[in-house]
Amino acid sequence: AEITLFRAPKAVRVVNMLEEEDEGVKKELENGGERIMLKMKPFEIVTLRA
């Protein structure tokens, strides 16, 4: 998936639904300026914190 933001975030993290960092949640995340790219499975829900 590719997400385009209106400005570049300082940092992007994958978190759980309570917005807490969770060691059990592992996703490969690519942050390039205003775009965030990550691989997802169909119907998968991912919460990001920027």
C-alpha atoms as a PDB file:
ATOM      1  CA  ALA A   1       0.000   0.000   0.000  1.00  0.00           C
ATOM      2  CA  GLU A   2       1.138   3.562  -0.609  1.00  0.00           C
ATOM      3  CA  ILE A   3      -0.032   6.510   1.496  1.00  0.00           C
ATOM      4  CA  THR A   4       0.679  10.109   0.453  1.00  0.00           C
ATOM      5  CA  LEU A   5       0.645  12.789   3.167  1.00  0.00           C
ATOM      6  CA  PHE A   6       0.564  16.570   2.773  1.00  0.00           C
ATOM      7  CA  ARG A   7       3.975  16.857   4.491  1.00  0.00           C
ATOM      8  CA  ALA A   8       6.785  14.521   5.425  1.00  0.00           C
ATOM      9  CA  PRO A   9       6.455  12.972   8.915  1.00  0.00           C
ATOM     10  CA  LYS A  10       9.420  12.973  11.304  1.00  0.00           C
ATOM     11  CA  ALA A  11       8.913   9.276  12.071  1.00  0.00           C
ATOM     12  CA  VAL A  12       6.409   6.551  11.225  1.00  0.00           C
ATOM     13  CA  ARG A  13       5.751   3.526  13.430  1.00  0.00           C
ATOM     14  CA  VAL A  14       3.410   0.561  13.264  1.00  0.00           C
ATOM     15  CA  VAL A  15       1.361   0.383  16.475  1.00  0.00           C
ATOM     16  CA  ASN A  16      -1.530  -1.673  17.835  1.00  0.00           C
ATOM     17  CA  MET A  17      -5.140  -0.421  17.962  1.00  0.00           C
ATOM     18  CA  LEU A  18      -4.432   1.361  21.282  1.00  0.00           C
ATOM     19  CA  GLU A  19      -1.569   3.262  19.580  1.00  0.00           C
ATOM     20  CA  GLU A  20       1.004   1.459  21.718  1.00  0.00           C
ATOM     21  CA  GLU A  21       4.186   0.050  20.251  1.00  0.00           C
ATOM     22  CA  ASP A  22       3.863  -3.730  20.210  1.00  0.00           C
ATOM     23  CA  GLU A  23       6.702  -6.185  19.600  1.00  0.00           C
ATOM     24  CA  GLY A  24       4.177  -8.651  18.144  1.00  0.00           C
ATOM     25  CA  VAL A  25       3.300  -6.236  15.328  1.00  0.00           C
ATOM     26  CA  LYS A  26       5.994  -6.408  12.658  1.00  0.00           C
ATOM     27  CA  LYS A  27       5.660  -4.689   9.293  1.00  0.00           C
ATOM     28  CA  GLU A  28       8.232  -3.657   6.741  1.00  0.00           C
ATOM     29  CA  LEU A  29       7.782   0.084   6.373  1.00  0.00           C
ATOM     30  CA  GLU A  30       9.396   2.439   3.864  1.00  0.00           C
ATOM     31  CA  ASN A  31       9.255   6.166   4.573  1.00  0.00           C
ATOM     32  CA  GLY A  32      10.306   8.376   1.660  1.00  0.00           C
ATOM     33  CA  GLY A  33       9.435  12.009   2.239  1.00  0.00           C
ATOM     34  CA  GLU A  34       5.686  12.503   1.921  1.00  0.00           C
ATOM     35  CA  ARG A  35       5.020   8.860   0.970  1.00  0.00           C
ATOM     36  CA  ILE A  36       4.750   5.818   3.187  1.00  0.00           C
ATOM     37  CA  MET A  37       4.895   2.381   1.587  1.00  0.00           C
ATOM     38  CA  LEU A  38       4.186  -0.953   3.259  1.00  0.00           C
ATOM     39  CA  LYS A  39       3.194  -4.463   2.263  1.00  0.00           C
ATOM     40  CA  MET A  40      -0.208  -5.681   3.423  1.00  0.00           C
ATOM     41  CA  LYS A  41      -2.382  -8.745   2.950  1.00  0.00           C
ATOM     42  CA  PRO A  42      -5.964  -8.448   1.664  1.00  0.00           C
ATOM     43  CA  PHE A  43      -8.415  -7.295   4.390  1.00  0.00           C
ATOM     44  CA  GLU A  44      -5.550  -6.637   6.836  1.00  0.00           C
ATOM     45  CA  ILE A  45      -5.885  -3.667   9.206  1.00  0.00           C
ATOM     46  CA  VAL A  46      -2.695  -1.753  10.061  1.00  0.00           C
ATOM     47  CA  THR A  47      -2.443   1.231  12.420  1.00  0.00           C
ATOM     48  CA  LEU A  48       0.344   3.741  11.775  1.00  0.00           C
ATOM     49  CA  ARG A  49       1.557   6.548  14.010  1.00  0.00           C
ATOM     50  CA  ALA A  50       3.344   9.460  12.396  1.00  0.00           C
END
